[in-house]
Amino acid sequence: MAALDPAFEESIHGRDERRRQLLRIVLERVAEKYGKPIGDAFEKAVDILYAVTSFATFDTLGGETGGGEEPALVVQRLTRLALGLGGPSDGR
């Protein structure tokens, strides 16, 4: 749709930028509490979380049945790993 309708493309771009800004706010709070991500890793973490929390990721993880709670748990583990805050082996 975005390729056919410039107004739609602008709308999608604005939504994407708002989502990135919200991720930055969340990561600022994470950095305050845990001391990471910092420096260059901060913007990389925004990019990673943007991808991991996308509809496409949840849709793919949900499979044909919709997945229920499982995709959310996988996204939580991936997020912790990306931020260096633990992973599957720590029981979370």
PDB file of N, CA and C in Angstrom:
ATOM      1  N   MET A   1       0.820  -1.196   0.000  1.00  0.00           N
ATOM      2  CA  MET A   1       0.000   0.000   0.000  1.00  0.00           C
ATOM      3  C   MET A   1       0.864   1.261   0.000  1.00  0.00           C
ATOM      4  N   ALA A   2       1.935   1.234   0.791  1.00  0.00           N
ATOM      5  CA  ALA A   2       2.764   2.435   0.912  1.00  0.00           C
ATOM      6  C   ALA A   2       3.356   2.850  -0.427  1.00  0.00           C
ATOM      7  N   ALA A   3       3.663   1.869  -1.277  1.00  0.00           N
ATOM      8  CA  ALA A   3       4.232   2.186  -2.583  1.00  0.00           C
ATOM      9  C   ALA A   3       3.215   2.886  -3.481  1.00  0.00           C
ATOM     10  N   LEU A   4       1.939   2.638  -3.227  1.00  0.00           N
ATOM     11  CA  LEU A   4       0.888   3.208  -4.065  1.00  0.00           C
ATOM     12  C   LEU A   4       0.320   4.511  -3.522  1.00  0.00           C
ATOM     13  N   ASP A   5       0.460   4.733  -2.237  1.00  0.00           N
ATOM     14  CA  ASP A   5      -0.191   5.884  -1.602  1.00  0.00           C
ATOM     15  C   ASP A   5       0.797   6.623  -0.701  1.00  0.00           C
ATOM     16  N   PRO A   6       1.323   7.764  -1.153  1.00  0.00           N
ATOM     17  CA  PRO A   6       2.299   8.512  -0.363  1.00  0.00           C
ATOM     18  C   PRO A   6       1.786   8.913   1.025  1.00  0.00           C
ATOM     19  N   ALA A   7       0.505   9.226   1.149  1.00  0.00           N
ATOM     20  CA  ALA A   7      -0.048   9.593   2.461  1.00  0.00           C
ATOM     21  C   ALA A   7      -0.014   8.401   3.406  1.00  0.00           C
ATOM     22  N   PHE A   8      -0.297   7.231   2.888  1.00  0.00           N
ATOM     23  CA  PHE A   8      -0.250   6.011   3.700  1.00  0.00           C
ATOM     24  C   PHE A   8       1.185   5.730   4.137  1.00  0.00           C
ATOM     25  N   GLU A   9       2.105   5.900   3.199  1.00  0.00           N
ATOM     26  CA  GLU A   9       3.523   5.701   3.517  1.00  0.00           C
ATOM     27  C   GLU A   9       3.966   6.653   4.631  1.00  0.00           C
ATOM     28  N   GLU A  10       3.557   7.909   4.543  1.00  0.00           N
ATOM     29  CA  GLU A  10       3.903   8.893   5.570  1.00  0.00           C
ATOM     30  C   GLU A  10       3.307   8.505   6.926  1.00  0.00           C
ATOM     31  N   SER A  11       2.091   8.014   6.907  1.00  0.00           N
ATOM     32  CA  SER A  11       1.430   7.572   8.132  1.00  0.00           C
ATOM     33  C   SER A  11       2.187   6.406   8.782  1.00  0.00           C
ATOM     34  N   ILE A  12       2.577   5.441   7.958  1.00  0.00           N
ATOM     35  CA  ILE A  12       3.328   4.281   8.456  1.00  0.00           C
ATOM     36  C   ILE A  12       4.678   4.724   9.010  1.00  0.00           C
ATOM     37  N   HIS A  13       5.348   5.615   8.295  1.00  0.00           N
ATOM     38  CA  HIS A  13       6.648   6.108   8.742  1.00  0.00           C
ATOM     39  C   HIS A  13       6.514   6.815  10.098  1.00  0.00           C
ATOM     40  N   GLY A  14       5.483   7.628  10.265  1.00  0.00           N
ATOM     41  CA  GLY A  14       5.251   8.317  11.533  1.00  0.00           C
ATOM     42  C   GLY A  14       5.000   7.340  12.662  1.00  0.00           C
ATOM     43  N   ARG A  15       4.204   6.317  12.394  1.00  0.00           N
ATOM     44  CA  ARG A  15       3.937   5.293  13.406  1.00  0.00           C
ATOM     45  C   ARG A  15       5.217   4.569  13.794  1.00  0.00           C
ATOM     46  N   ASP A  16       6.030   4.219  12.804  1.00  0.00           N
ATOM     47  CA  ASP A  16       7.292   3.536  13.069  1.00  0.00           C
ATOM     48  C   ASP A  16       8.220   4.389  13.926  1.00  0.00           C
ATOM     49  N   GLU A  17       8.296   5.677  13.622  1.00  0.00           N
ATOM     50  CA  GLU A  17       9.157   6.573  14.404  1.00  0.00           C
ATOM     51  C   GLU A  17       8.652   6.729  15.832  1.00  0.00           C
ATOM     52  N   ARG A  18       7.331   6.771  16.024  1.00  0.00           N
ATOM     53  CA  ARG A  18       6.777   6.832  17.390  1.00  0.00           C
ATOM     54  C   ARG A  18       7.111   5.557  18.160  1.00  0.00           C
ATOM     55  N   ARG A  19       7.044   4.424  17.490  1.00  0.00           N
ATOM     56  CA  ARG A  19       7.375   3.146  18.135  1.00  0.00           C
ATOM     57  C   ARG A  19       8.848   3.116  18.532  1.00  0.00           C
ATOM     58  N   ARG A  20       9.714   3.609  17.644  1.00  0.00           N
ATOM     59  CA  ARG A  20      11.148   3.673  17.986  1.00  0.00           C
ATOM     60  C   ARG A  20      11.387   4.603  19.178  1.00  0.00           C
ATOM     61  N   GLN A  21      10.689   5.723  19.214  1.00  0.00           N
ATOM     62  CA  GLN A  21      10.847   6.656  20.326  1.00  0.00           C
ATOM     63  C   GLN A  21      10.402   6.015  21.640  1.00  0.00           C
ATOM     64  N   LEU A  22       9.312   5.290  21.604  1.00  0.00           N
ATOM     65  CA  LEU A  22       8.855   4.592  22.812  1.00  0.00           C
ATOM     66  C   LEU A  22       9.869   3.541  23.255  1.00  0.00           C
ATOM     67  N   LEU A  23      10.470   2.846  22.297  1.00  0.00           N
ATOM     68  CA  LEU A  23      11.509   1.870  22.640  1.00  0.00           C
ATOM     69  C   LEU A  23      12.716   2.560  23.272  1.00  0.00           C
ATOM     70  N   ARG A  24      13.074   3.731  22.761  1.00  0.00           N
ATOM     71  CA  ARG A  24      14.186   4.491  23.356  1.00  0.00           C
ATOM     72  C   ARG A  24      13.876   4.846  24.812  1.00  0.00           C
ATOM     73  N   ILE A  25      12.645   5.263  25.079  1.00  0.00           N
ATOM     74  CA  ILE A  25      12.246   5.619  26.452  1.00  0.00           C
ATOM     75  C   ILE A  25      12.351   4.408  27.369  1.00  0.00           C
ATOM     76  N   VAL A  26      11.853   3.263  26.899  1.00  0.00           N
ATOM     77  CA  VAL A  26      11.933   2.044  27.700  1.00  0.00           C
ATOM     78  C   VAL A  26      13.390   1.677  27.939  1.00  0.00           C
ATOM     79  N   LEU A  27      14.220   1.760  26.895  1.00  0.00           N
ATOM     80  CA  LEU A  27      15.629   1.410  27.051  1.00  0.00           C
ATOM     81  C   LEU A  27      16.378   2.380  27.957  1.00  0.00           C
ATOM     82  N   GLU A  28      15.987   3.637  27.957  1.00  0.00           N
ATOM     83  CA  GLU A  28      16.595   4.587  28.898  1.00  0.00           C
ATOM     84  C   GLU A  28      16.334   4.137  30.331  1.00  0.00           C
ATOM     85  N   ARG A  29      15.128   3.676  30.599  1.00  0.00           N
ATOM     86  CA  ARG A  29      14.783   3.187  31.935  1.00  0.00           C
ATOM     87  C   ARG A  29      15.540   1.916  32.280  1.00  0.00           C
ATOM     88  N   VAL A  30      15.678   1.029  31.294  1.00  0.00           N
ATOM     89  CA  VAL A  30      16.456  -0.197  31.499  1.00  0.00           C
ATOM     90  C   VAL A  30      17.908   0.163  31.804  1.00  0.00           C
ATOM     91  N   ALA A  31      18.469   1.101  31.038  1.00  0.00           N
ATOM     92  CA  ALA A  31      19.861   1.517  31.244  1.00  0.00           C
ATOM     93  C   ALA A  31      20.062   2.148  32.619  1.00  0.00           C
ATOM     94  N   GLU A  32      19.079   2.907  33.078  1.00  0.00           N
ATOM     95  CA  GLU A  32      19.173   3.494  34.419  1.00  0.00           C
ATOM     96  C   GLU A  32      19.215   2.407  35.486  1.00  0.00           C
ATOM     97  N   LYS A  33      18.410   1.378  35.303  1.00  0.00           N
ATOM     98  CA  LYS A  33      18.311   0.320  36.311  1.00  0.00           C
ATOM     99  C   LYS A  33      19.469  -0.670  36.241  1.00  0.00           C
ATOM    100  N   TYR A  34      19.869  -1.079  35.020  1.00  0.00           N
ATOM    101  CA  TYR A  34      20.845  -2.149  34.858  1.00  0.00           C
ATOM    102  C   TYR A  34      22.205  -1.692  34.341  1.00  0.00           C
ATOM    103  N   GLY A  35      22.323  -0.421  33.955  1.00  0.00           N
ATOM    104  CA  GLY A  35      23.603   0.071  33.463  1.00  0.00           C
ATOM    105  C   GLY A  35      23.910  -0.297  32.025  1.00  0.00           C
ATOM    106  N   LYS A  36      22.949  -0.839  31.330  1.00  0.00           N
ATOM    107  CA  LYS A  36      23.121  -1.165  29.921  1.00  0.00           C
ATOM    108  C   LYS A  36      21.766  -1.223  29.251  1.00  0.00           C
ATOM    109  N   PRO A  37      21.713  -0.955  27.988  1.00  0.00           N
ATOM    110  CA  PRO A  37      22.787  -0.682  27.032  1.00  0.00           C
ATOM    111  C   PRO A  37      23.267   0.762  27.123  1.00  0.00           C
ATOM    112  N   ILE A  38      24.530   0.960  26.776  1.00  0.00           N
ATOM    113  CA  ILE A  38      25.112   2.301  26.772  1.00  0.00           C
ATOM    114  C   ILE A  38      25.880   2.511  25.472  1.00  0.00           C
ATOM    115  N   GLY A  39      26.179   3.752  25.202  1.00  0.00           N
ATOM    116  CA  GLY A  39      26.991   4.101  24.034  1.00  0.00           C
ATOM    117  C   GLY A  39      26.379   3.636  22.734  1.00  0.00           C
ATOM    118  N   ASP A  40      27.236   3.107  21.853  1.00  0.00           N
ATOM    119  CA  ASP A  40      26.794   2.634  20.543  1.00  0.00           C
ATOM    120  C   ASP A  40      25.799   1.485  20.655  1.00  0.00           C
ATOM    121  N   ALA A  41      25.904   0.722  21.735  1.00  0.00           N
ATOM    122  CA  ALA A  41      25.004  -0.419  21.920  1.00  0.00           C
ATOM    123  C   ALA A  41      23.557   0.022  22.119  1.00  0.00           C
ATOM    124  N   PHE A  42      23.356   1.255  22.553  1.00  0.00           N
ATOM    125  CA  PHE A  42      21.997   1.725  22.821  1.00  0.00           C
ATOM    126  C   PHE A  42      21.164   1.761  21.538  1.00  0.00           C
ATOM    127  N   GLU A  43      21.661   2.412  20.498  1.00  0.00           N
ATOM    128  CA  GLU A  43      20.902   2.501  19.250  1.00  0.00           C
ATOM    129  C   GLU A  43      20.773   1.139  18.579  1.00  0.00           C
ATOM    130  N   LYS A  44      21.792   0.300  18.720  1.00  0.00           N
ATOM    131  CA  LYS A  44      21.701  -1.055  18.177  1.00  0.00           C
ATOM    132  C   LYS A  44      20.597  -1.815  18.903  1.00  0.00           C
ATOM    133  N   ALA A  45      20.493  -1.622  20.208  1.00  0.00           N
ATOM    134  CA  ALA A  45      19.441  -2.271  20.993  1.00  0.00           C
ATOM    135  C   ALA A  45      18.066  -1.789  20.556  1.00  0.00           C
ATOM    136  N   VAL A  46      17.941  -0.500  20.230  1.00  0.00           N
ATOM    137  CA  VAL A  46      16.664   0.023  19.719  1.00  0.00           C
ATOM    138  C   VAL A  46      16.301  -0.716  18.435  1.00  0.00           C
ATOM    139  N   ASP A  47      17.263  -0.877  17.541  1.00  0.00           N
ATOM    140  CA  ASP A  47      17.007  -1.573  16.278  1.00  0.00           C
ATOM    141  C   ASP A  47      16.592  -3.020  16.511  1.00  0.00           C
ATOM    142  N   ILE A  48      17.293  -3.685  17.421  1.00  0.00           N
ATOM    143  CA  ILE A  48      16.984  -5.087  17.713  1.00  0.00           C
ATOM    144  C   ILE A  48      15.590  -5.220  18.315  1.00  0.00           C
ATOM    145  N   LEU A  49      15.282  -4.376  19.293  1.00  0.00           N
ATOM    146  CA  LEU A  49      13.962  -4.451  19.914  1.00  0.00           C
ATOM    147  C   LEU A  49      12.859  -4.080  18.936  1.00  0.00           C
ATOM    148  N   TYR A  50      13.135  -3.160  18.048  1.00  0.00           N
ATOM    149  CA  TYR A  50      12.171  -2.788  17.012  1.00  0.00           C
ATOM    150  C   TYR A  50      11.824  -4.019  16.172  1.00  0.00           C
ATOM    151  N   ALA A  51      12.832  -4.782  15.792  1.00  0.00           N
ATOM    152  CA  ALA A  51      12.608  -5.981  14.985  1.00  0.00           C
ATOM    153  C   ALA A  51      11.919  -7.079  15.790  1.00  0.00           C
ATOM    154  N   VAL A  52      12.398  -7.297  16.999  1.00  0.00           N
ATOM    155  CA  VAL A  52      11.879  -8.394  17.827  1.00  0.00           C
ATOM    156  C   VAL A  52      10.429  -8.163  18.234  1.00  0.00           C
ATOM    157  N   THR A  53      10.035  -6.913  18.398  1.00  0.00           N
ATOM    158  CA  THR A  53       8.668  -6.619  18.843  1.00  0.00           C
ATOM    159  C   THR A  53       7.721  -6.294  17.687  1.00  0.00           C
ATOM    160  N   SER A  54       8.149  -6.553  16.474  1.00  0.00           N
ATOM    161  CA  SER A  54       7.296  -6.257  15.325  1.00  0.00           C
ATOM    162  C   SER A  54       6.169  -7.281  15.193  1.00  0.00           C
ATOM    163  N   PHE A  55       5.121  -6.872  14.511  1.00  0.00           N
ATOM    164  CA  PHE A  55       4.015  -7.795  14.243  1.00  0.00           C
ATOM    165  C   PHE A  55       4.520  -9.011  13.484  1.00  0.00           C
ATOM    166  N   ALA A  56       5.409  -8.787  12.522  1.00  0.00           N
ATOM    167  CA  ALA A  56       5.914  -9.892  11.712  1.00  0.00           C
ATOM    168  C   ALA A  56       6.592 -10.954  12.575  1.00  0.00           C
ATOM    169  N   THR A  57       7.327 -10.524  13.595  1.00  0.00           N
ATOM    170  CA  THR A  57       7.982 -11.478  14.484  1.00  0.00           C
ATOM    171  C   THR A  57       6.949 -12.289  15.253  1.00  0.00           C
ATOM    172  N   PHE A  58       5.979 -11.613  15.868  1.00  0.00           N
ATOM    173  CA  PHE A  58       4.939 -12.330  16.611  1.00  0.00           C
ATOM    174  C   PHE A  58       4.157 -13.261  15.685  1.00  0.00           C
ATOM    175  N   ASP A  59       3.854 -12.801  14.487  1.00  0.00           N
ATOM    176  CA  ASP A  59       3.097 -13.599  13.536  1.00  0.00           C
ATOM    177  C   ASP A  59       3.875 -14.856  13.153  1.00  0.00           C
ATOM    178  N   THR A  60       5.159 -14.700  12.894  1.00  0.00           N
ATOM    179  CA  THR A  60       5.995 -15.837  12.527  1.00  0.00           C
ATOM    180  C   THR A  60       6.112 -16.819  13.684  1.00  0.00           C
ATOM    181  N   LEU A  61       6.360 -16.323  14.885  1.00  0.00           N
ATOM    182  CA  LEU A  61       6.496 -17.191  16.053  1.00  0.00           C
ATOM    183  C   LEU A  61       5.189 -17.877  16.410  1.00  0.00           C
ATOM    184  N   GLY A  62       4.072 -17.230  16.104  1.00  0.00           N
ATOM    185  CA  GLY A  62       2.773 -17.806  16.411  1.00  0.00           C
ATOM    186  C   GLY A  62       2.400 -18.971  15.519  1.00  0.00           C
ATOM    187  N   GLY A  63       3.033 -19.049  14.356  1.00  0.00           N
ATOM    188  CA  GLY A  63       2.736 -20.140  13.434  1.00  0.00           C
ATOM    189  C   GLY A  63       1.314 -20.073  12.912  1.00  0.00           C
ATOM    190  N   GLU A  64       0.853 -21.180  12.398  1.00  0.00           N
ATOM    191  CA  GLU A  64      -0.475 -21.233  11.800  1.00  0.00           C
ATOM    192  C   GLU A  64      -1.593 -21.199  12.829  1.00  0.00           C
ATOM    193  N   THR A  65      -1.299 -21.566  14.070  1.00  0.00           N
ATOM    194  CA  THR A  65      -2.352 -21.644  15.095  1.00  0.00           C
ATOM    195  C   THR A  65      -2.489 -20.372  15.912  1.00  0.00           C
ATOM    196  N   GLY A  66      -1.615 -19.418  15.704  1.00  0.00           N
ATOM    197  CA  GLY A  66      -1.703 -18.174  16.464  1.00  0.00           C
ATOM    198  C   GLY A  66      -0.789 -18.138  17.668  1.00  0.00           C
ATOM    199  N   GLY A  67      -0.375 -19.286  18.169  1.00  0.00           N
ATOM    200  CA  GLY A  67       0.681 -19.374  19.158  1.00  0.00           C
ATOM    201  C   GLY A  67       0.352 -19.084  20.599  1.00  0.00           C
ATOM    202  N   GLY A  68      -0.695 -18.348  20.916  1.00  0.00           N
ATOM    203  CA  GLY A  68      -1.015 -18.068  22.306  1.00  0.00           C
ATOM    204  C   GLY A  68       0.085 -17.326  23.027  1.00  0.00           C
ATOM    205  N   GLU A  69       0.466 -17.810  24.195  1.00  0.00           N
ATOM    206  CA  GLU A  69       1.443 -17.138  25.050  1.00  0.00           C
ATOM    207  C   GLU A  69       2.880 -17.384  24.601  1.00  0.00           C
ATOM    208  N   GLU A  70       3.147 -18.465  23.929  1.00  0.00           N
ATOM    209  CA  GLU A  70       4.514 -18.843  23.559  1.00  0.00           C
ATOM    210  C   GLU A  70       5.292 -17.741  22.834  1.00  0.00           C
ATOM    211  N   PRO A  71       4.746 -17.103  21.809  1.00  0.00           N
ATOM    212  CA  PRO A  71       5.519 -16.054  21.131  1.00  0.00           C
ATOM    213  C   PRO A  71       5.961 -14.940  22.078  1.00  0.00           C
ATOM    214  N   ALA A  72       5.113 -14.556  23.007  1.00  0.00           N
ATOM    215  CA  ALA A  72       5.483 -13.495  23.951  1.00  0.00           C
ATOM    216  C   ALA A  72       6.653 -13.931  24.815  1.00  0.00           C
ATOM    217  N   LEU A  73       6.662 -15.188  25.246  1.00  0.00           N
ATOM    218  CA  LEU A  73       7.767 -15.687  26.070  1.00  0.00           C
ATOM    219  C   LEU A  73       9.070 -15.722  25.272  1.00  0.00           C
ATOM    220  N   VAL A  74       8.993 -16.120  24.019  1.00  0.00           N
ATOM    221  CA  VAL A  74      10.184 -16.145  23.161  1.00  0.00           C
ATOM    222  C   VAL A  74      10.712 -14.727  22.967  1.00  0.00           C
ATOM    223  N   VAL A  75       9.830 -13.777  22.722  1.00  0.00           N
ATOM    224  CA  VAL A  75      10.240 -12.386  22.540  1.00  0.00           C
ATOM    225  C   VAL A  75      10.871 -11.845  23.821  1.00  0.00           C
ATOM    226  N   GLN A  76      10.323 -12.194  24.969  1.00  0.00           N
ATOM    227  CA  GLN A  76      10.913 -11.758  26.238  1.00  0.00           C
ATOM    228  C   GLN A  76      12.325 -12.303  26.388  1.00  0.00           C
ATOM    229  N   ARG A  77      12.530 -13.592  26.086  1.00  0.00           N
ATOM    230  CA  ARG A  77      13.876 -14.177  26.195  1.00  0.00           C
ATOM    231  C   ARG A  77      14.837 -13.525  25.214  1.00  0.00           C
ATOM    232  N   LEU A  78      14.393 -13.328  23.965  1.00  0.00           N
ATOM    233  CA  LEU A  78      15.254 -12.691  22.972  1.00  0.00           C
ATOM    234  C   LEU A  78      15.639 -11.274  23.392  1.00  0.00           C
ATOM    235  N   THR A  79      14.697 -10.566  23.970  1.00  0.00           N
ATOM    236  CA  THR A  79      14.966  -9.204  24.427  1.00  0.00           C
ATOM    237  C   THR A  79      16.013  -9.200  25.533  1.00  0.00           C
ATOM    238  N   ARG A  80      15.843 -10.082  26.520  1.00  0.00           N
ATOM    239  CA  ARG A  80      16.836 -10.156  27.609  1.00  0.00           C
ATOM    240  C   ARG A  80      18.216 -10.510  27.066  1.00  0.00           C
ATOM    241  N   LEU A  81      18.262 -11.457  26.135  1.00  0.00           N
ATOM    242  CA  LEU A  81      19.550 -11.831  25.539  1.00  0.00           C
ATOM    243  C   LEU A  81      20.172 -10.666  24.784  1.00  0.00           C
ATOM    244  N   ALA A  82      19.363  -9.958  24.015  1.00  0.00           N
ATOM    245  CA  ALA A  82      19.870  -8.823  23.229  1.00  0.00           C
ATOM    246  C   ALA A  82      20.431  -7.728  24.123  1.00  0.00           C
ATOM    247  N   LEU A  83      19.846  -7.585  25.306  1.00  0.00           N
ATOM    248  CA  LEU A  83      20.292  -6.540  26.233  1.00  0.00           C
ATOM    249  C   LEU A  83      21.352  -7.035  27.209  1.00  0.00           C
ATOM    250  N   GLY A  84      21.680  -8.322  27.127  1.00  0.00           N
ATOM    251  CA  GLY A  84      22.664  -8.891  28.041  1.00  0.00           C
ATOM    252  C   GLY A  84      22.154  -8.992  29.460  1.00  0.00           C
ATOM    253  N   LEU A  85      20.846  -9.227  29.606  1.00  0.00           N
ATOM    254  CA  LEU A  85      20.227  -9.265  30.928  1.00  0.00           C
ATOM    255  C   LEU A  85      19.758 -10.668  31.307  1.00  0.00           C
ATOM    256  N   GLY A  86      20.355 -11.677  30.768  1.00  0.00           N
ATOM    257  CA  GLY A  86      19.961 -13.034  31.102  1.00  0.00           C
ATOM    258  C   GLY A  86      19.331 -13.721  29.920  1.00  0.00           C
ATOM    259  N   GLY A  87      18.949 -14.937  30.134  1.00  0.00           N
ATOM    260  CA  GLY A  87      18.359 -15.694  29.048  1.00  0.00           C
ATOM    261  C   GLY A  87      17.707 -16.956  29.534  1.00  0.00           C
ATOM    262  N   PRO A  88      17.564 -17.916  28.653  1.00  0.00           N
ATOM    263  CA  PRO A  88      16.850 -19.143  28.988  1.00  0.00           C
ATOM    264  C   PRO A  88      17.447 -19.902  30.161  1.00  0.00           C
ATOM    265  N   SER A  89      18.763 -19.827  30.347  1.00  0.00           N
ATOM    266  CA  SER A  89      19.391 -20.623  31.391  1.00  0.00           C
ATOM    267  C   SER A  89      19.196 -20.044  32.793  1.00  0.00           C
ATOM    268  N   ASP A  90      18.717 -18.812  32.896  1.00  0.00           N
ATOM    269  CA  ASP A  90      18.567 -18.223  34.235  1.00  0.00           C
ATOM    270  C   ASP A  90      17.159 -18.387  34.793  1.00  0.00           C
ATOM    271  N   GLY A  91      16.321 -19.180  34.137  1.00  0.00           N
ATOM    272  CA  GLY A  91      14.998 -19.476  34.667  1.00  0.00           C
ATOM    273  C   GLY A  91      13.943 -18.428  34.381  1.00  0.00           C
ATOM    274  N   ARG A  92      14.274 -17.386  33.620  1.00  0.00           N
ATOM    275  CA  ARG A  92      13.275 -16.356  33.296  1.00  0.00           C
ATOM    276  C   ARG A  92      12.780 -16.531  31.896  1.00  0.00           C
TER     277      ARG A  92
END
